[in-house]
């Protein structure tokens, strides 16, 4: 930034000037970064794990991403919403499954009533999550066991970006992708600075795990803050930098 621009900015801060809707400006910037990264990685297939009602896929479409999207969502009502949203999109496929480190049938906790975004295999901390709990039995699959089907739907040998939003369970999903993880060029994962679930990995543990697998940190986006203003969650975006196009 030019010195005079920086000086003007600092004077504005001193005078108490604040940018209206600054959070939206940051979300815009983070979305631009994500789309540019997908293009630099030449991604043509996004695996959307913990898709909820399809918000991430809808965001990608509205930003201009036209490649394949493979969504996984275990809650039947939320999965039905994805099926409705994807009905006229031949490149968007959805599976009513949870992903994890093992193929199994297990109990899953649906948290909340109006919104179910805090639902997880892990025990939610009541003080930071909505009221309402109910158990459902869901089918869990390893991601590497689904890769042949994903590649068939995506038309051969797709360039894959893995989006994870499984409420404290992201590392378990990655563990279930071990045999095919080399095919994943980039990923997005939610990192909790303040725990939302009991026994969930710390954000530093998760970040170190992804780095050990060969992914480099490209961006951190603030998801939400605590009541005192501290960061509660980040979305981290990572990539295999040797696969980036200029």
Protein backbone atom coordinates (compact mmCIF):
# COMPACT_ATOMS: atom_id res chain seq x y z
CA UNK A 1 0.00 0.00 0.00
CA UNK A 2 1.27 3.48 -0.89
CA UNK A 3 2.40 5.53 2.12
CA UNK A 4 -0.28 8.16 1.59
CA UNK A 5 -3.01 5.51 1.38
CA UNK A 6 -1.76 3.85 4.55
CA UNK A 7 -1.61 7.21 6.28
CA UNK A 8 -5.19 8.00 5.27
CA UNK A 9 -6.33 4.59 6.48
CA UNK A 10 -4.63 5.01 9.84
CA UNK A 11 -6.14 8.46 10.31
CA UNK A 12 -9.58 7.03 9.56
CA UNK A 13 -9.08 4.31 12.17
CA UNK A 14 -7.96 6.89 14.72
CA UNK A 15 -11.09 8.93 13.99
CA UNK A 16 -13.28 5.90 14.71
CA UNK A 17 -14.27 5.18 11.10
CA UNK A 18 -15.29 1.56 10.55
CA UNK A 19 -16.12 -0.22 7.28
CA UNK A 20 -19.85 -1.03 7.10
CA UNK A 21 -20.46 -4.78 6.75
CA UNK A 22 -16.72 -5.47 7.01
CA UNK A 23 -17.49 -9.17 7.57
CA UNK A 24 -19.18 -9.38 4.17
CA UNK A 25 -16.18 -7.73 2.55
CA UNK A 26 -13.94 -10.40 4.11
CA UNK A 27 -16.29 -13.20 3.00
CA UNK A 28 -16.17 -11.77 -0.52
CA UNK A 29 -12.37 -11.76 -0.46
CA UNK A 30 -12.21 -15.32 0.89
CA UNK A 31 -14.66 -16.54 -1.77
CA UNK A 32 -12.60 -14.92 -4.52
CA UNK A 33 -9.48 -16.60 -3.15
CA UNK A 34 -11.19 -20.00 -3.08
CA UNK A 35 -12.46 -19.74 -6.65
CA UNK A 36 -9.06 -18.59 -7.91
CA UNK A 37 -7.39 -21.50 -6.10
CA UNK A 38 -9.80 -24.01 -7.67
CA UNK A 39 -8.89 -22.59 -11.06
CA UNK A 40 -5.14 -22.70 -10.34
CA UNK A 41 -5.48 -26.34 -9.29
CA UNK A 42 -7.70 -26.93 -12.35
CA UNK A 43 -10.23 -28.64 -10.09
CA UNK A 44 -13.14 -30.26 -11.90
CA UNK A 45 -14.61 -32.27 -9.01
CA UNK A 46 -15.43 -31.01 -5.51
CA UNK A 47 -16.23 -33.63 -2.88
CA UNK A 48 -18.55 -31.92 -0.40
CA UNK A 49 -18.52 -33.86 2.90
CA UNK A 50 -21.02 -32.76 5.53
CA UNK A 51 -23.06 -30.96 2.90
CA UNK A 52 -25.99 -30.09 5.22
CA UNK A 53 -28.61 -28.63 2.84
CA UNK A 54 -26.18 -27.95 0.01
CA UNK A 55 -25.10 -24.42 0.94
CA UNK A 56 -21.46 -24.87 -0.11
CA UNK A 57 -22.39 -26.40 -3.46
CA UNK A 58 -24.89 -23.61 -4.11
CA UNK A 59 -22.20 -21.05 -3.29
CA UNK A 60 -19.81 -22.67 -5.78
CA UNK A 61 -22.42 -22.60 -8.52
CA UNK A 62 -23.28 -18.96 -7.89
CA UNK A 63 -19.56 -18.08 -8.00
CA UNK A 64 -19.25 -19.70 -11.42
CA UNK A 65 -17.76 -23.13 -10.69
CA UNK A 66 -19.24 -25.47 -13.31
CA UNK A 67 -17.47 -28.75 -12.54
CA UNK A 68 -18.73 -31.84 -10.76
CA UNK A 69 -19.90 -31.74 -7.13
CA UNK A 70 -20.29 -34.92 -5.07
CA UNK A 71 -22.18 -34.21 -1.83
CA UNK A 72 -22.37 -36.45 1.24
CA UNK A 73 -24.96 -35.81 3.96
CA UNK A 74 -26.22 -38.35 6.57
CA UNK A 75 -29.35 -36.54 7.90
CA UNK A 76 -32.32 -37.67 5.75
CA UNK A 77 -34.21 -34.34 5.78
CA UNK A 78 -31.10 -32.37 4.85
CA UNK A 79 -30.23 -34.90 2.16
CA UNK A 80 -33.74 -34.44 0.72
CA UNK A 81 -33.07 -30.69 0.50
CA UNK A 82 -29.88 -31.39 -1.47
CA UNK A 83 -31.75 -33.68 -3.85
CA UNK A 84 -34.26 -30.93 -4.53
CA UNK A 85 -31.54 -28.34 -5.05
CA UNK A 86 -29.55 -30.59 -7.39
CA UNK A 87 -32.51 -31.96 -9.36
CA UNK A 88 -31.74 -29.91 -12.48
CA UNK A 89 -27.95 -30.03 -12.18
CA UNK A 90 -26.50 -33.01 -14.03
CA UNK A 91 -23.03 -32.42 -12.54
CA UNK A 92 -24.18 -32.41 -8.90
CA UNK A 93 -24.60 -35.84 -7.26
CA UNK A 94 -25.61 -36.56 -3.66
CA UNK A 95 -25.29 -39.54 -1.33
CA UNK A 96 -27.19 -40.09 1.93
CA UNK A 97 -24.06 -41.23 3.76
CA UNK A 98 -21.65 -40.16 6.47
CA UNK A 99 -17.92 -40.59 5.89
CA UNK A 100 -15.36 -41.75 8.42
CA UNK A 101 -12.36 -43.96 9.10
CA UNK A 102 -14.36 -47.23 8.98
CA UNK A 103 -17.26 -48.77 7.09
CA UNK A 104 -19.91 -49.18 9.76
CA UNK A 105 -23.40 -48.39 11.00
CA UNK A 106 -23.39 -46.06 14.00
CA UNK A 107 -25.37 -43.52 16.00
CA UNK A 108 -25.26 -39.89 14.92
CA UNK A 109 -26.49 -36.95 17.02
CA UNK A 110 -28.73 -34.43 15.28
CA UNK A 111 -28.31 -31.15 17.16
CA UNK A 112 -30.88 -28.35 17.01
CA UNK A 113 -34.29 -28.08 15.43
CA UNK A 114 -34.47 -25.27 12.85
CA UNK A 115 -30.82 -25.69 11.88
CA UNK A 116 -28.81 -28.90 12.08
CA UNK A 117 -25.34 -27.57 11.24
CA UNK A 118 -23.96 -28.58 14.67
CA UNK A 119 -24.88 -32.27 14.22
CA UNK A 120 -21.98 -34.66 14.74
CA UNK A 121 -20.72 -38.06 15.80
CA UNK A 122 -19.04 -36.22 18.68
CA UNK A 123 -20.74 -34.98 21.84
CA UNK A 124 -21.61 -31.30 21.45
CA UNK A 125 -20.82 -28.92 24.33
CA UNK A 126 -24.24 -27.54 25.40
CA UNK A 127 -23.00 -24.03 26.20
CA UNK A 128 -21.96 -23.34 22.59
CA UNK A 129 -24.53 -25.33 20.58
CA UNK A 130 -28.32 -25.12 20.13
CA UNK A 131 -30.78 -27.00 22.29
CA UNK A 132 -32.35 -30.21 21.09
CA UNK A 133 -30.76 -33.63 20.62
CA UNK A 134 -31.94 -36.77 18.87
CA UNK A 135 -30.13 -39.90 17.73
CA UNK A 136 -30.34 -41.46 14.30
CA UNK A 137 -28.55 -44.48 12.90
CA UNK A 138 -26.47 -43.69 9.81
CA UNK A 139 -24.34 -45.61 7.36
CA UNK A 140 -20.67 -44.63 7.43
CA UNK A 141 -18.31 -45.30 4.53
CA UNK A 142 -14.61 -44.82 3.93
CA UNK A 143 -14.03 -42.29 1.17
CA UNK A 144 -11.39 -44.39 -0.57
CA UNK A 145 -13.96 -47.15 -1.04
CA UNK A 146 -16.18 -44.71 -2.95
CA UNK A 147 -13.53 -43.32 -5.27
CA UNK A 148 -14.32 -45.61 -8.20
CA UNK A 149 -17.93 -44.39 -8.15
CA UNK A 150 -16.83 -40.76 -7.76
CA UNK A 151 -14.46 -41.07 -10.73
CA UNK A 152 -17.21 -42.67 -12.81
CA UNK A 153 -19.62 -39.82 -12.03
CA UNK A 154 -16.92 -37.22 -12.72
CA UNK A 155 -15.98 -38.74 -16.04
CA UNK A 156 -12.67 -40.47 -15.58
CA UNK A 157 -9.69 -39.03 -13.69
CA UNK A 158 -10.98 -35.89 -11.96
CA UNK A 159 -8.87 -33.22 -10.31
CA UNK A 160 -10.31 -33.24 -6.81
CA UNK A 161 -10.85 -30.66 -4.08
CA UNK A 162 -12.09 -32.05 -0.75
CA UNK A 163 -14.37 -29.83 1.34
CA UNK A 164 -14.88 -31.04 4.93
CA UNK A 165 -17.46 -29.72 7.39
CA UNK A 166 -18.25 -32.61 9.72
CA UNK A 167 -18.28 -30.82 13.06
CA UNK A 168 -15.10 -32.04 14.69
CA UNK A 169 -14.87 -35.24 12.63
CA UNK A 170 -12.85 -34.02 9.62
CA UNK A 171 -9.67 -35.93 10.50
CA UNK A 172 -11.63 -39.20 10.66
CA UNK A 173 -12.90 -38.57 7.12
CA UNK A 174 -9.33 -37.97 5.91
CA UNK A 175 -8.18 -41.18 7.60
CA UNK A 176 -10.78 -42.99 5.51
CA UNK A 177 -9.26 -41.61 2.32
CA UNK A 178 -5.72 -42.85 2.85
CA UNK A 179 -5.48 -45.11 -0.21
CA UNK A 180 -6.62 -42.36 -2.60
CA UNK A 181 -5.51 -39.19 -0.83
CA UNK A 182 -2.81 -38.51 -3.42
CA UNK A 183 -5.63 -37.73 -5.87
CA UNK A 184 -6.82 -34.85 -3.67
CA UNK A 185 -5.16 -31.61 -4.81
CA UNK A 186 -6.65 -29.28 -2.19
CA UNK A 187 -8.95 -29.24 0.78
CA UNK A 188 -11.00 -27.04 3.05
CA UNK A 189 -11.51 -28.03 6.68
CA UNK A 190 -13.11 -26.39 9.69
CA UNK A 191 -10.70 -25.82 12.58
CA UNK A 192 -12.03 -25.13 16.07
CA UNK A 193 -9.91 -22.82 18.21
CA UNK A 194 -12.44 -23.07 21.05
CA UNK A 195 -13.79 -26.63 21.40
CA UNK A 196 -17.40 -27.12 20.30
CA UNK A 197 -17.36 -30.90 20.79
CA UNK A 198 -15.83 -33.07 23.47
CA UNK A 199 -12.68 -34.96 22.41
CA UNK A 200 -12.35 -33.14 19.10
CA UNK A 201 -8.84 -32.48 17.76
CA UNK A 202 -7.32 -29.09 18.48
CA UNK A 203 -6.87 -26.73 15.56
CA UNK A 204 -3.08 -27.04 15.77
CA UNK A 205 -3.31 -30.85 15.76
CA UNK A 206 -5.55 -30.82 12.68
CA UNK A 207 -3.36 -28.33 10.84
CA UNK A 208 -0.22 -30.34 11.60
CA UNK A 209 -1.92 -33.52 10.36
CA UNK A 210 -2.82 -31.94 7.01
CA UNK A 211 0.66 -30.50 6.61
CA UNK A 212 2.18 -33.93 7.27
CA UNK A 213 0.06 -35.26 4.41
CA UNK A 214 1.63 -32.78 2.01
CA UNK A 215 -0.85 -29.90 2.05
CA UNK A 216 0.30 -26.30 2.53
CA UNK A 217 -1.82 -23.68 4.26
CA UNK A 218 -3.18 -21.21 1.70
CA UNK A 219 -5.85 -19.25 3.59
CA UNK A 220 -7.64 -18.97 6.94
CA UNK A 221 -11.19 -17.60 7.03
CA UNK A 222 -12.92 -16.70 10.28
CA UNK A 223 -16.15 -18.70 10.58
CA UNK A 224 -17.35 -17.20 13.84
CA UNK A 225 -16.21 -15.57 17.06
CA UNK A 226 -16.99 -16.13 20.72
CA UNK A 227 -19.03 -13.71 22.80
CA UNK A 228 -15.84 -11.93 23.92
CA UNK A 229 -14.55 -11.50 20.38
CA UNK A 230 -12.04 -14.35 20.24
CA UNK A 231 -11.93 -16.68 17.25
CA UNK A 232 -14.03 -19.79 17.72
CA UNK A 233 -13.61 -21.43 14.30
CA UNK A 234 -11.60 -21.04 11.11
CA UNK A 235 -12.06 -22.52 7.67
CA UNK A 236 -8.59 -23.47 6.50
CA UNK A 237 -7.90 -23.85 2.78
CA UNK A 238 -4.90 -25.97 1.83
CA UNK A 239 -3.31 -27.19 -1.38
CA UNK A 240 -0.54 -29.30 -2.82
CA UNK A 241 1.56 -26.39 -4.00
CA UNK A 242 3.46 -28.47 -6.56
CA UNK A 243 0.15 -28.92 -8.41
CA UNK A 244 -0.66 -25.21 -8.72
CA UNK A 245 -0.79 -23.59 -12.12
CA UNK A 246 0.51 -20.02 -12.50
